[in-house]
Amino acid sequence: MTYVDKLRVKNAVILVTLSLLFTNCSPVKEIETNVPNYKLVQIGRSKNPAVLFFQDSYCSQNDSITNWFVKNNYQVIIAQRLNTDPLYILNTDHPLMRASDGLALTTALTNYPIEYIAATGLEVHATVNWFVNTEVKGGFLFPFYKGSLKEYLVECMYKSNRVLPGYPATIKPVELIQLLETTPAPSGTFGNYSLRFLQDIWQQQPYIQLTSYEGELIYKVVR
């Protein structure tokens, strides 16, 4: 085989490889809505049923969960709250505000066949109060712990475990407990969440709260 023939074969292999890569890649595009301070990204084929996915940006399983949805013939609409302005977080981060945003997003996305709501990490607390009142088939919820945030912090304290190890900020469990027991909650943030938000949800029991939910439900703890 001549050098030219070898080069042709090599180029052909490269083209085939690239073709396979592009075939396996899912379409990705940004979605614009009139709901402020949210970034929406669509992954997967638009003809497939959709999952509206509220991601805790510090959950290490976000990509794996997204890939699982896509492989099972869903398109995924990833919704992430923009947290570039600390004052915005402090002034607006409240479960009722997040519930209002969630309902507004489902309304704004009526052109997409949303069948399920998904959430990871602390976003589960922000999602559980409102998605049960929508017409979706069910929810996929992936919290960091099964019970309440308060129970989790007490467990971390007694076992000397780090609080939410995926988060860049570090705080001792007893210190966070003391902050959340202060009324009103002090001004400040932990990760992408205000202390006021954490105080409002830290005794919430999403798993127990959903026992009467009649839709389809996956509830699995992730790290």
N, C-alpha and C. Protein backbone atom coordinates (compact mmCIF):
# COMPACT_ATOMS: atom_id res chain seq x y z
N MET A 1 0.85 -1.19 0.00
CA MET A 1 0.00 0.00 0.00
C MET A 1 0.89 1.25 0.00
N THR A 2 0.58 2.17 -0.91
CA THR A 2 1.38 3.39 -1.02
C THR A 2 1.05 4.34 0.13
N TYR A 3 1.90 5.35 0.26
CA TYR A 3 1.69 6.36 1.31
C TYR A 3 0.35 7.07 1.10
N VAL A 4 0.03 7.37 -0.18
CA VAL A 4 -1.23 8.06 -0.48
C VAL A 4 -2.42 7.19 -0.08
N ASP A 5 -2.33 5.87 -0.38
CA ASP A 5 -3.41 4.96 -0.02
C ASP A 5 -3.59 4.90 1.50
N LYS A 6 -2.45 4.82 2.21
CA LYS A 6 -2.51 4.79 3.68
C LYS A 6 -3.16 6.06 4.23
N LEU A 7 -2.82 7.20 3.60
CA LEU A 7 -3.38 8.48 4.04
C LEU A 7 -4.88 8.51 3.82
N ARG A 8 -5.32 7.95 2.66
CA ARG A 8 -6.75 7.91 2.37
C ARG A 8 -7.48 7.03 3.39
N VAL A 9 -6.89 5.90 3.72
CA VAL A 9 -7.51 5.01 4.71
C VAL A 9 -7.60 5.69 6.07
N LYS A 10 -6.49 6.36 6.45
CA LYS A 10 -6.46 7.07 7.74
C LYS A 10 -7.54 8.15 7.79
N ASN A 11 -7.65 8.92 6.71
CA ASN A 11 -8.66 9.98 6.66
C ASN A 11 -10.08 9.41 6.70
N ALA A 12 -10.25 8.26 6.03
CA ALA A 12 -11.56 7.63 6.03
C ALA A 12 -11.95 7.18 7.44
N VAL A 13 -10.97 6.62 8.16
CA VAL A 13 -11.22 6.19 9.54
C VAL A 13 -11.60 7.38 10.42
N ILE A 14 -10.88 8.49 10.23
CA ILE A 14 -11.17 9.70 11.01
C ILE A 14 -12.58 10.20 10.72
N LEU A 15 -12.96 10.20 9.43
CA LEU A 15 -14.29 10.68 9.06
C LEU A 15 -15.38 9.79 9.64
N VAL A 16 -15.16 8.47 9.60
CA VAL A 16 -16.14 7.55 10.16
C VAL A 16 -16.28 7.76 11.66
N THR A 17 -15.12 7.92 12.32
CA THR A 17 -15.13 8.14 13.78
C THR A 17 -15.88 9.41 14.13
N LEU A 18 -15.59 10.49 13.41
CA LEU A 18 -16.28 11.76 13.66
C LEU A 18 -17.77 11.63 13.40
N SER A 19 -18.11 10.88 12.35
CA SER A 19 -19.51 10.68 12.02
C SER A 19 -20.25 9.98 13.15
N LEU A 20 -19.59 8.95 13.72
CA LEU A 20 -20.19 8.22 14.83
C LEU A 20 -20.34 9.11 16.05
N LEU A 21 -19.33 9.94 16.29
CA LEU A 21 -19.38 10.85 17.43
C LEU A 21 -20.54 11.82 17.31
N PHE A 22 -20.69 12.41 16.13
CA PHE A 22 -21.77 13.38 15.94
C PHE A 22 -23.13 12.70 15.98
N THR A 23 -23.18 11.43 15.52
CA THR A 23 -24.44 10.70 15.55
C THR A 23 -24.88 10.44 16.98
N ASN A 24 -23.89 10.10 17.85
CA ASN A 24 -24.20 9.77 19.23
C ASN A 24 -24.43 11.00 20.10
N CYS A 25 -23.96 12.16 19.67
CA CYS A 25 -24.14 13.37 20.46
C CYS A 25 -25.59 13.83 20.39
N SER A 26 -26.13 14.24 21.51
CA SER A 26 -27.49 14.73 21.54
C SER A 26 -27.51 16.22 21.21
N PRO A 27 -28.55 16.66 20.49
CA PRO A 27 -28.65 18.10 20.20
C PRO A 27 -28.74 18.91 21.49
N VAL A 28 -28.08 20.05 21.50
CA VAL A 28 -28.08 20.92 22.68
C VAL A 28 -28.41 22.34 22.22
N LYS A 29 -29.35 22.98 22.91
CA LYS A 29 -29.64 24.38 22.58
C LYS A 29 -30.17 25.09 23.83
N GLU A 30 -30.00 26.39 23.86
CA GLU A 30 -30.52 27.20 24.96
C GLU A 30 -31.96 27.60 24.65
N ILE A 31 -32.75 27.72 25.70
CA ILE A 31 -34.15 28.11 25.58
C ILE A 31 -34.35 29.43 26.31
N GLU A 32 -35.04 30.35 25.66
CA GLU A 32 -35.33 31.63 26.30
C GLU A 32 -36.80 31.68 26.72
N THR A 33 -37.03 32.17 27.94
CA THR A 33 -38.40 32.37 28.43
C THR A 33 -38.49 33.75 29.07
N ASN A 34 -39.68 34.10 29.51
CA ASN A 34 -39.86 35.38 30.19
C ASN A 34 -39.66 35.26 31.70
N VAL A 35 -39.19 34.10 32.16
CA VAL A 35 -38.90 33.91 33.59
C VAL A 35 -37.46 34.35 33.84
N PRO A 36 -37.25 35.40 34.62
CA PRO A 36 -35.90 35.94 34.78
C PRO A 36 -35.01 35.07 35.66
N ASN A 37 -33.70 35.24 35.45
CA ASN A 37 -32.69 34.64 36.32
C ASN A 37 -32.66 33.11 36.28
N TYR A 38 -33.07 32.54 35.16
CA TYR A 38 -32.93 31.10 34.96
C TYR A 38 -32.27 30.84 33.62
N LYS A 39 -31.33 29.92 33.62
CA LYS A 39 -30.71 29.46 32.38
C LYS A 39 -31.31 28.11 32.04
N LEU A 40 -31.85 27.99 30.83
CA LEU A 40 -32.48 26.75 30.38
C LEU A 40 -31.71 26.19 29.20
N VAL A 41 -31.34 24.93 29.29
CA VAL A 41 -30.63 24.25 28.22
C VAL A 41 -31.37 22.96 27.88
N GLN A 42 -31.66 22.78 26.60
CA GLN A 42 -32.35 21.58 26.14
C GLN A 42 -31.33 20.60 25.58
N ILE A 43 -31.41 19.35 26.03
CA ILE A 43 -30.53 18.28 25.54
C ILE A 43 -31.42 17.13 25.08
N GLY A 44 -31.17 16.64 23.88
CA GLY A 44 -31.96 15.53 23.35
C GLY A 44 -32.85 15.97 22.20
N ARG A 45 -33.52 15.00 21.63
CA ARG A 45 -34.35 15.26 20.45
C ARG A 45 -35.68 15.89 20.87
N SER A 46 -36.05 16.95 20.18
CA SER A 46 -37.23 17.72 20.57
C SER A 46 -38.54 16.94 20.40
N LYS A 47 -38.52 15.88 19.60
CA LYS A 47 -39.75 15.09 19.42
C LYS A 47 -40.03 14.18 20.62
N ASN A 48 -39.03 13.98 21.48
CA ASN A 48 -39.20 13.09 22.63
C ASN A 48 -39.91 13.81 23.78
N PRO A 49 -40.57 13.05 24.65
CA PRO A 49 -41.16 13.67 25.85
C PRO A 49 -40.07 14.31 26.70
N ALA A 50 -40.43 15.35 27.44
CA ALA A 50 -39.42 16.15 28.13
C ALA A 50 -39.45 15.96 29.65
N VAL A 51 -38.26 16.13 30.22
CA VAL A 51 -38.08 16.18 31.67
C VAL A 51 -37.54 17.56 32.01
N LEU A 52 -38.23 18.29 32.87
CA LEU A 52 -37.74 19.59 33.34
C LEU A 52 -36.90 19.32 34.59
N PHE A 53 -35.60 19.57 34.48
CA PHE A 53 -34.62 19.11 35.47
C PHE A 53 -34.01 20.30 36.20
N PHE A 54 -34.34 20.43 37.49
CA PHE A 54 -33.78 21.49 38.33
C PHE A 54 -32.53 20.94 39.03
N GLN A 55 -31.38 21.42 38.62
CA GLN A 55 -30.12 20.86 39.10
C GLN A 55 -29.53 21.68 40.24
N ASP A 56 -29.13 20.99 41.30
CA ASP A 56 -28.23 21.57 42.28
C ASP A 56 -26.85 21.51 41.63
N SER A 57 -26.26 22.65 41.37
CA SER A 57 -25.02 22.69 40.58
C SER A 57 -23.86 21.96 41.24
N TYR A 58 -23.98 21.65 42.54
CA TYR A 58 -22.91 20.95 43.24
C TYR A 58 -23.17 19.45 43.38
N CYS A 59 -24.17 18.94 42.68
CA CYS A 59 -24.43 17.50 42.69
C CYS A 59 -23.58 16.84 41.62
N SER A 60 -22.76 15.89 42.01
CA SER A 60 -21.83 15.25 41.07
C SER A 60 -22.53 14.31 40.10
N GLN A 61 -23.80 13.99 40.35
CA GLN A 61 -24.52 13.03 39.51
C GLN A 61 -25.37 13.70 38.43
N ASN A 62 -25.30 15.01 38.31
CA ASN A 62 -26.15 15.71 37.33
C ASN A 62 -25.99 15.17 35.92
N ASP A 63 -24.74 15.04 35.48
CA ASP A 63 -24.49 14.59 34.10
C ASP A 63 -24.95 13.15 33.90
N SER A 64 -24.69 12.29 34.88
CA SER A 64 -25.10 10.88 34.77
C SER A 64 -26.61 10.75 34.67
N ILE A 65 -27.32 11.53 35.48
CA ILE A 65 -28.78 11.49 35.45
C ILE A 65 -29.30 12.01 34.12
N THR A 66 -28.71 13.10 33.63
CA THR A 66 -29.11 13.65 32.33
C THR A 66 -28.89 12.63 31.23
N ASN A 67 -27.74 11.98 31.22
CA ASN A 67 -27.44 10.97 30.20
C ASN A 67 -28.42 9.81 30.27
N TRP A 68 -28.82 9.43 31.47
CA TRP A 68 -29.78 8.33 31.62
C TRP A 68 -31.11 8.71 30.98
N PHE A 69 -31.57 9.93 31.21
CA PHE A 69 -32.82 10.38 30.60
C PHE A 69 -32.72 10.35 29.08
N VAL A 70 -31.62 10.88 28.54
CA VAL A 70 -31.46 10.95 27.09
C VAL A 70 -31.41 9.55 26.48
N LYS A 71 -30.69 8.64 27.13
CA LYS A 71 -30.59 7.27 26.62
C LYS A 71 -31.94 6.55 26.65
N ASN A 72 -32.81 7.01 27.53
CA ASN A 72 -34.14 6.41 27.62
C ASN A 72 -35.19 7.22 26.86
N ASN A 73 -34.70 7.94 25.86
CA ASN A 73 -35.55 8.64 24.89
C ASN A 73 -36.39 9.77 25.49
N TYR A 74 -35.75 10.53 26.37
CA TYR A 74 -36.33 11.77 26.84
C TYR A 74 -35.44 12.93 26.40
N GLN A 75 -36.06 14.07 26.17
CA GLN A 75 -35.27 15.29 26.07
C GLN A 75 -35.25 15.91 27.47
N VAL A 76 -34.14 16.52 27.80
CA VAL A 76 -33.97 17.09 29.14
C VAL A 76 -33.86 18.61 29.02
N ILE A 77 -34.66 19.31 29.77
CA ILE A 77 -34.55 20.77 29.85
C ILE A 77 -33.97 21.09 31.23
N ILE A 78 -32.70 21.44 31.24
CA ILE A 78 -32.00 21.73 32.49
C ILE A 78 -32.29 23.17 32.90
N ALA A 79 -32.76 23.33 34.11
CA ALA A 79 -33.08 24.66 34.64
C ALA A 79 -32.15 24.95 35.81
N GLN A 80 -31.35 25.99 35.67
CA GLN A 80 -30.46 26.40 36.75
C GLN A 80 -30.68 27.87 37.05
N ARG A 81 -30.89 28.16 38.32
CA ARG A 81 -31.08 29.54 38.76
C ARG A 81 -29.74 30.26 38.71
N LEU A 82 -29.71 31.42 38.08
CA LEU A 82 -28.47 32.18 37.99
C LEU A 82 -28.17 32.84 39.33
N ASN A 83 -26.94 32.69 39.76
CA ASN A 83 -26.57 33.18 41.09
C ASN A 83 -25.38 34.12 41.03
N THR A 84 -25.35 34.96 40.01
CA THR A 84 -24.20 35.86 39.83
C THR A 84 -24.27 37.07 40.75
N ASP A 85 -25.45 37.39 41.24
CA ASP A 85 -25.63 38.56 42.09
C ASP A 85 -25.96 38.12 43.52
N PRO A 86 -25.01 38.24 44.46
CA PRO A 86 -25.26 37.81 45.84
C PRO A 86 -26.46 38.50 46.47
N LEU A 87 -26.67 39.78 46.16
CA LEU A 87 -27.80 40.51 46.73
C LEU A 87 -29.12 39.93 46.24
N TYR A 88 -29.14 39.49 44.98
CA TYR A 88 -30.36 38.88 44.44
C TYR A 88 -30.69 37.60 45.20
N ILE A 89 -29.66 36.81 45.49
CA ILE A 89 -29.88 35.57 46.25
C ILE A 89 -30.46 35.90 47.62
N LEU A 90 -29.85 36.86 48.30
CA LEU A 90 -30.28 37.20 49.65
C LEU A 90 -31.71 37.73 49.68
N ASN A 91 -32.09 38.48 48.65
CA ASN A 91 -33.39 39.15 48.66
C ASN A 91 -34.53 38.31 48.11
N THR A 92 -34.23 37.30 47.31
CA THR A 92 -35.30 36.58 46.61
C THR A 92 -35.31 35.08 46.88
N ASP A 93 -34.31 34.55 47.57
CA ASP A 93 -34.22 33.09 47.72
C ASP A 93 -35.14 32.62 48.84
N HIS A 94 -36.31 32.16 48.44
CA HIS A 94 -37.32 31.71 49.40
C HIS A 94 -38.11 30.58 48.73
N PRO A 95 -38.53 29.55 49.48
CA PRO A 95 -39.27 28.44 48.87
C PRO A 95 -40.49 28.88 48.07
N LEU A 96 -41.22 29.89 48.56
CA LEU A 96 -42.40 30.36 47.83
C LEU A 96 -42.01 31.00 46.50
N MET A 97 -40.90 31.74 46.49
CA MET A 97 -40.43 32.35 45.25
C MET A 97 -39.99 31.28 44.26
N ARG A 98 -39.30 30.26 44.75
CA ARG A 98 -38.86 29.18 43.86
C ARG A 98 -40.05 28.39 43.34
N ALA A 99 -41.07 28.20 44.17
CA ALA A 99 -42.28 27.52 43.71
C ALA A 99 -42.97 28.33 42.61
N SER A 100 -43.03 29.64 42.81
CA SER A 100 -43.61 30.51 41.79
C SER A 100 -42.82 30.43 40.49
N ASP A 101 -41.50 30.42 40.60
CA ASP A 101 -40.65 30.31 39.41
C ASP A 101 -40.86 28.97 38.70
N GLY A 102 -40.97 27.90 39.48
CA GLY A 102 -41.16 26.58 38.88
C GLY A 102 -42.46 26.50 38.09
N LEU A 103 -43.53 26.99 38.68
CA LEU A 103 -44.82 26.99 37.98
C LEU A 103 -44.78 27.89 36.75
N ALA A 104 -44.09 29.03 36.87
CA ALA A 104 -43.97 29.94 35.73
C ALA A 104 -43.20 29.29 34.59
N LEU A 105 -42.18 28.52 34.93
CA LEU A 105 -41.39 27.85 33.89
C LEU A 105 -42.22 26.78 33.18
N THR A 106 -42.99 26.00 33.91
CA THR A 106 -43.82 24.99 33.25
C THR A 106 -44.85 25.64 32.34
N THR A 107 -45.35 26.79 32.73
CA THR A 107 -46.29 27.52 31.88
C THR A 107 -45.60 28.07 30.65
N ALA A 108 -44.38 28.60 30.84
CA ALA A 108 -43.64 29.18 29.72
C ALA A 108 -43.17 28.12 28.73
N LEU A 109 -43.11 26.88 29.18
CA LEU A 109 -42.60 25.79 28.33
C LEU A 109 -43.72 24.91 27.80
N THR A 110 -44.89 25.49 27.58
CA THR A 110 -46.03 24.70 27.12
C THR A 110 -45.81 24.10 25.73
N ASN A 111 -44.88 24.64 24.96
CA ASN A 111 -44.59 24.08 23.64
C ASN A 111 -43.73 22.82 23.73
N TYR A 112 -43.28 22.50 24.92
CA TYR A 112 -42.47 21.30 25.11
C TYR A 112 -43.30 20.26 25.86
N PRO A 113 -43.23 19.00 25.43
CA PRO A 113 -44.06 17.95 26.05
C PRO A 113 -43.49 17.49 27.39
N ILE A 114 -43.60 18.33 28.42
CA ILE A 114 -43.02 17.99 29.72
C ILE A 114 -43.87 16.93 30.42
N GLU A 115 -43.26 15.78 30.67
CA GLU A 115 -43.96 14.68 31.35
C GLU A 115 -43.51 14.49 32.79
N TYR A 116 -42.27 14.91 33.07
CA TYR A 116 -41.74 14.69 34.43
C TYR A 116 -40.96 15.91 34.90
N ILE A 117 -40.93 16.08 36.22
CA ILE A 117 -40.08 17.07 36.87
C ILE A 117 -38.98 16.31 37.60
N ALA A 118 -37.74 16.78 37.48
CA ALA A 118 -36.63 16.15 38.19
C ALA A 118 -35.87 17.20 38.98
N ALA A 119 -35.21 16.76 40.05
CA ALA A 119 -34.42 17.68 40.86
C ALA A 119 -33.33 16.91 41.59
N THR A 120 -32.19 17.57 41.79
CA THR A 120 -31.11 16.97 42.55
C THR A 120 -30.77 17.84 43.76
N GLY A 121 -30.14 17.21 44.76
CA GLY A 121 -29.61 17.94 45.90
C GLY A 121 -30.64 18.77 46.63
N LEU A 122 -30.26 19.98 47.00
CA LEU A 122 -31.15 20.87 47.75
C LEU A 122 -32.31 21.38 46.90
N GLU A 123 -32.20 21.23 45.56
CA GLU A 123 -33.32 21.63 44.70
C GLU A 123 -34.56 20.78 44.95
N VAL A 124 -34.37 19.60 45.54
CA VAL A 124 -35.53 18.77 45.88
C VAL A 124 -36.45 19.52 46.82
N HIS A 125 -35.87 20.21 47.80
CA HIS A 125 -36.68 20.97 48.76
C HIS A 125 -37.45 22.10 48.07
N ALA A 126 -36.84 22.67 47.04
CA ALA A 126 -37.47 23.79 46.33
C ALA A 126 -38.55 23.32 45.37
N THR A 127 -38.52 22.04 45.02
CA THR A 127 -39.40 21.51 43.97
C THR A 127 -40.61 20.78 44.52
N VAL A 128 -40.44 20.13 45.66
CA VAL A 128 -41.46 19.19 46.14
C VAL A 128 -42.80 19.86 46.44
N ASN A 129 -42.79 21.13 46.81
CA ASN A 129 -44.04 21.80 47.19
C ASN A 129 -44.94 22.13 46.01
N TRP A 130 -44.37 22.28 44.81
CA TRP A 130 -45.20 22.76 43.71
C TRP A 130 -45.42 21.75 42.59
N PHE A 131 -44.48 20.83 42.35
CA PHE A 131 -44.64 19.99 41.15
C PHE A 131 -45.82 19.03 41.29
N VAL A 132 -46.21 18.72 42.54
CA VAL A 132 -47.34 17.80 42.74
C VAL A 132 -48.66 18.43 42.30
N ASN A 133 -48.67 19.74 42.11
CA ASN A 133 -49.89 20.43 41.68
C ASN A 133 -49.94 20.69 40.18
N THR A 134 -49.00 20.12 39.46
CA THR A 134 -48.99 20.27 38.01
C THR A 134 -49.57 19.01 37.36
N GLU A 135 -49.67 19.03 36.04
CA GLU A 135 -50.27 17.90 35.32
C GLU A 135 -49.22 16.92 34.81
N VAL A 136 -48.00 16.99 35.31
CA VAL A 136 -46.97 16.06 34.86
C VAL A 136 -47.28 14.65 35.38
N LYS A 137 -46.65 13.66 34.75
CA LYS A 137 -46.89 12.27 35.15
C LYS A 137 -46.25 11.93 36.49
N GLY A 138 -45.14 12.61 36.81
CA GLY A 138 -44.46 12.26 38.05
C GLY A 138 -43.17 13.02 38.23
N GLY A 139 -42.39 12.57 39.21
CA GLY A 139 -41.14 13.25 39.53
C GLY A 139 -40.00 12.28 39.75
N PHE A 140 -38.80 12.74 39.40
CA PHE A 140 -37.56 12.04 39.68
C PHE A 140 -36.76 12.92 40.65
N LEU A 141 -36.68 12.52 41.90
CA LEU A 141 -36.03 13.35 42.91
C LEU A 141 -34.80 12.64 43.47
N PHE A 142 -33.69 13.36 43.47
CA PHE A 142 -32.41 12.80 43.89
C PHE A 142 -31.79 13.69 44.97
N PRO A 143 -32.24 13.55 46.23
CA PRO A 143 -31.70 14.39 47.31
C PRO A 143 -30.35 13.88 47.80
N PHE A 144 -29.70 14.68 48.63
CA PHE A 144 -28.43 14.28 49.24
C PHE A 144 -28.65 13.40 50.46
N TYR A 145 -29.87 13.36 50.98
CA TYR A 145 -30.18 12.59 52.19
C TYR A 145 -31.67 12.27 52.14
N LYS A 146 -32.09 11.26 52.91
CA LYS A 146 -33.48 10.81 52.81
C LYS A 146 -34.42 11.66 53.65
N GLY A 147 -34.01 12.05 54.85
CA GLY A 147 -34.88 12.78 55.75
C GLY A 147 -34.80 14.28 55.56
N SER A 148 -34.79 15.00 56.67
CA SER A 148 -34.72 16.45 56.63
C SER A 148 -33.28 16.93 56.67
N LEU A 149 -33.07 18.18 56.30
CA LEU A 149 -31.74 18.78 56.40
C LEU A 149 -31.31 18.82 57.86
N LYS A 150 -32.23 19.09 58.77
CA LYS A 150 -31.89 19.14 60.19
C LYS A 150 -31.38 17.79 60.68
N GLU A 151 -32.07 16.72 60.32
CA GLU A 151 -31.63 15.38 60.71
C GLU A 151 -30.26 15.06 60.12
N TYR A 152 -30.07 15.48 58.88
CA TYR A 152 -28.78 15.23 58.22
C TYR A 152 -27.66 15.96 58.95
N LEU A 153 -27.88 17.21 59.33
CA LEU A 153 -26.85 17.99 60.02
C LEU A 153 -26.52 17.39 61.39
N VAL A 154 -27.54 16.93 62.10
CA VAL A 154 -27.30 16.29 63.40
C VAL A 154 -26.48 15.01 63.21
N GLU A 155 -26.81 14.25 62.17
CA GLU A 155 -26.04 13.03 61.88
C GLU A 155 -24.59 13.37 61.55
N CYS A 156 -24.39 14.41 60.74
CA CYS A 156 -23.02 14.84 60.42
C CYS A 156 -22.26 15.24 61.68
N MET A 157 -22.95 15.89 62.60
CA MET A 157 -22.30 16.36 63.83
C MET A 157 -21.83 15.17 64.67
N TYR A 158 -22.69 14.17 64.84
CA TYR A 158 -22.34 13.04 65.69
C TYR A 158 -21.35 12.09 65.04
N LYS A 159 -21.35 12.05 63.71
CA LYS A 159 -20.43 11.16 63.00
C LYS A 159 -19.17 11.89 62.53
N SER A 160 -19.08 13.17 62.84
CA SER A 160 -17.93 14.00 62.42
C SER A 160 -17.77 14.00 60.90
N ASN A 161 -18.89 14.01 60.20
CA ASN A 161 -18.87 14.06 58.74
C ASN A 161 -18.90 15.50 58.25
N ARG A 162 -18.33 15.71 57.09
CA ARG A 162 -18.38 17.03 56.48
C ARG A 162 -19.78 17.29 55.93
N VAL A 163 -20.24 18.52 56.03
CA VAL A 163 -21.56 18.90 55.52
C VAL A 163 -21.50 19.05 54.00
N LEU A 164 -22.33 18.27 53.30
CA LEU A 164 -22.42 18.35 51.84
C LEU A 164 -21.04 18.47 51.21
N PRO A 165 -20.28 17.38 51.18
CA PRO A 165 -18.88 17.43 50.74
C PRO A 165 -18.67 17.92 49.32
N GLY A 166 -19.70 17.91 48.48
CA GLY A 166 -19.55 18.42 47.13
C GLY A 166 -19.54 19.93 47.04
N TYR A 167 -19.92 20.59 48.12
CA TYR A 167 -19.98 22.05 48.13
C TYR A 167 -18.60 22.66 48.39
N PRO A 168 -18.28 23.78 47.72
CA PRO A 168 -16.96 24.39 47.91
C PRO A 168 -16.80 25.02 49.28
N ALA A 169 -17.88 25.53 49.85
CA ALA A 169 -17.80 26.16 51.17
C ALA A 169 -17.83 25.08 52.25
N THR A 170 -17.03 25.25 53.28
CA THR A 170 -17.01 24.30 54.38
C THR A 170 -17.49 24.99 55.65
N ILE A 171 -18.30 24.27 56.40
CA ILE A 171 -18.80 24.78 57.67
C ILE A 171 -19.06 23.58 58.57
N LYS A 172 -18.80 23.71 59.84
CA LYS A 172 -19.06 22.63 60.78
C LYS A 172 -20.56 22.47 60.97
N PRO A 173 -21.03 21.22 61.11
CA PRO A 173 -22.47 21.00 61.27
C PRO A 173 -23.07 21.82 62.41
N VAL A 174 -22.38 21.87 63.55
CA VAL A 174 -22.92 22.59 64.70
C VAL A 174 -23.04 24.09 64.40
N GLU A 175 -22.12 24.62 63.60
CA GLU A 175 -22.17 26.04 63.26
C GLU A 175 -23.37 26.34 62.37
N LEU A 176 -23.62 25.46 61.39
CA LEU A 176 -24.76 25.68 60.50
C LEU A 176 -26.07 25.50 61.26
N ILE A 177 -26.12 24.54 62.17
CA ILE A 177 -27.31 24.36 63.00
C ILE A 177 -27.59 25.62 63.81
N GLN A 178 -26.56 26.18 64.41
CA GLN A 178 -26.74 27.40 65.21
C GLN A 178 -27.24 28.56 64.36
N LEU A 179 -26.74 28.67 63.14
CA LEU A 179 -27.20 29.74 62.24
C LEU A 179 -28.68 29.56 61.89
N LEU A 180 -29.07 28.31 61.61
CA LEU A 180 -30.44 28.06 61.18
C LEU A 180 -31.43 28.08 62.34
N GLU A 181 -30.93 27.99 63.55
CA GLU A 181 -31.80 28.10 64.72
C GLU A 181 -32.00 29.55 65.15
N THR A 182 -31.24 30.46 64.53
CA THR A 182 -31.36 31.88 64.84
C THR A 182 -32.56 32.47 64.10
N THR A 183 -33.39 33.23 64.81
CA THR A 183 -34.57 33.86 64.20
C THR A 183 -34.50 35.38 64.36
N PRO A 184 -34.61 36.10 63.24
CA PRO A 184 -34.64 35.61 61.86
C PRO A 184 -33.27 35.10 61.44
N ALA A 185 -33.25 34.36 60.34
CA ALA A 185 -31.98 33.81 59.86
C ALA A 185 -31.01 34.93 59.52
N PRO A 186 -29.75 34.79 59.89
CA PRO A 186 -28.77 35.83 59.55
C PRO A 186 -28.58 35.95 58.05
N SER A 187 -28.12 37.11 57.62
CA SER A 187 -27.85 37.32 56.20
C SER A 187 -26.62 36.53 55.81
N GLY A 188 -26.72 35.79 54.73
CA GLY A 188 -25.58 35.01 54.28
C GLY A 188 -26.03 33.90 53.35
N THR A 189 -25.07 33.21 52.79
CA THR A 189 -25.36 32.13 51.85
C THR A 189 -24.52 30.90 52.17
N PHE A 190 -25.01 29.76 51.72
CA PHE A 190 -24.23 28.52 51.74
C PHE A 190 -24.40 27.91 50.36
N GLY A 191 -23.31 27.84 49.60
CA GLY A 191 -23.42 27.42 48.22
C GLY A 191 -24.23 28.44 47.44
N ASN A 192 -25.22 27.96 46.71
CA ASN A 192 -26.08 28.85 45.92
C ASN A 192 -27.39 29.18 46.64
N TYR A 193 -27.44 28.96 47.93
CA TYR A 193 -28.69 29.14 48.67
C TYR A 193 -28.50 30.11 49.83
N SER A 194 -29.50 30.93 50.06
CA SER A 194 -29.44 31.84 51.20
C SER A 194 -29.72 31.07 52.48
N LEU A 195 -29.21 31.59 53.60
CA LEU A 195 -29.50 30.96 54.89
C LEU A 195 -30.99 31.03 55.20
N ARG A 196 -31.66 32.05 54.70
CA ARG A 196 -33.11 32.16 54.90
C ARG A 196 -33.83 31.00 54.22
N PHE A 197 -33.41 30.66 53.00
CA PHE A 197 -34.00 29.52 52.30
C PHE A 197 -33.76 28.24 53.09
N LEU A 198 -32.51 28.03 53.54
CA LEU A 198 -32.19 26.82 54.28
C LEU A 198 -32.98 26.73 55.58
N GLN A 199 -33.17 27.87 56.23
CA GLN A 199 -33.95 27.87 57.47
C GLN A 199 -35.40 27.47 57.21
N ASP A 200 -35.94 27.92 56.09
CA ASP A 200 -37.34 27.62 55.77
C ASP A 200 -37.56 26.16 55.41
N ILE A 201 -36.53 25.48 54.92
CA ILE A 201 -36.73 24.10 54.47
C ILE A 201 -36.04 23.06 55.36
N TRP A 202 -35.32 23.49 56.38
CA TRP A 202 -34.43 22.53 57.03
C TRP A 202 -35.16 21.47 57.85
N GLN A 203 -36.43 21.68 58.16
CA GLN A 203 -37.20 20.63 58.84
C GLN A 203 -38.17 19.93 57.88
N GLN A 204 -38.13 20.31 56.63
CA GLN A 204 -39.02 19.70 55.64
C GLN A 204 -38.61 18.23 55.40
N GLN A 205 -39.63 17.37 55.29
CA GLN A 205 -39.41 15.94 55.04
C GLN A 205 -40.02 15.60 53.67
N PRO A 206 -39.29 15.82 52.58
CA PRO A 206 -39.88 15.60 51.26
C PRO A 206 -40.41 14.19 51.05
N TYR A 207 -39.66 13.20 51.52
CA TYR A 207 -40.07 11.80 51.29
C TYR A 207 -41.41 11.51 51.97
N ILE A 208 -41.57 11.95 53.22
CA ILE A 208 -42.83 11.75 53.94
C ILE A 208 -43.93 12.60 53.31
N GLN A 209 -43.58 13.80 52.90
CA GLN A 209 -44.55 14.71 52.30
C GLN A 209 -45.16 14.13 51.04
N LEU A 210 -44.41 13.27 50.35
CA LEU A 210 -44.87 12.73 49.07
C LEU A 210 -45.58 11.38 49.20
N THR A 211 -45.80 10.91 50.42
CA THR A 211 -46.41 9.59 50.58
C THR A 211 -47.82 9.52 49.99
N SER A 212 -48.52 10.65 49.95
CA SER A 212 -49.88 10.66 49.40
C SER A 212 -49.91 11.03 47.92
N TYR A 213 -48.75 11.28 47.34
CA TYR A 213 -48.70 11.67 45.92
C TYR A 213 -49.07 10.48 45.05
N GLU A 214 -49.98 10.68 44.11
CA GLU A 214 -50.50 9.59 43.30
C GLU A 214 -49.79 9.43 41.96
N GLY A 215 -48.90 10.35 41.62
CA GLY A 215 -48.18 10.23 40.36
C GLY A 215 -47.00 9.27 40.48
N GLU A 216 -46.29 9.10 39.38
CA GLU A 216 -45.10 8.25 39.38
C GLU A 216 -43.97 8.98 40.13
N LEU A 217 -43.23 8.22 40.91
CA LEU A 217 -42.20 8.87 41.73
C LEU A 217 -40.97 7.99 41.87
N ILE A 218 -39.82 8.57 41.58
CA ILE A 218 -38.52 7.97 41.89
C ILE A 218 -37.86 8.88 42.91
N TYR A 219 -37.48 8.31 44.04
CA TYR A 219 -36.84 9.08 45.12
C TYR A 219 -35.60 8.32 45.55
N LYS A 220 -34.44 8.82 45.16
CA LYS A 220 -33.19 8.10 45.39
C LYS A 220 -32.12 9.05 45.90
N VAL A 221 -31.48 8.69 46.99
CA VAL A 221 -30.41 9.51 47.57
C VAL A 221 -29.15 9.38 46.72
N VAL A 222 -28.53 10.52 46.42
CA VAL A 222 -27.27 10.54 45.67
C VAL A 222 -26.25 11.34 46.47
N ARG A 223 -25.01 11.24 46.06
CA ARG A 223 -23.93 11.95 46.76
C ARG A 223 -23.36 13.05 45.89
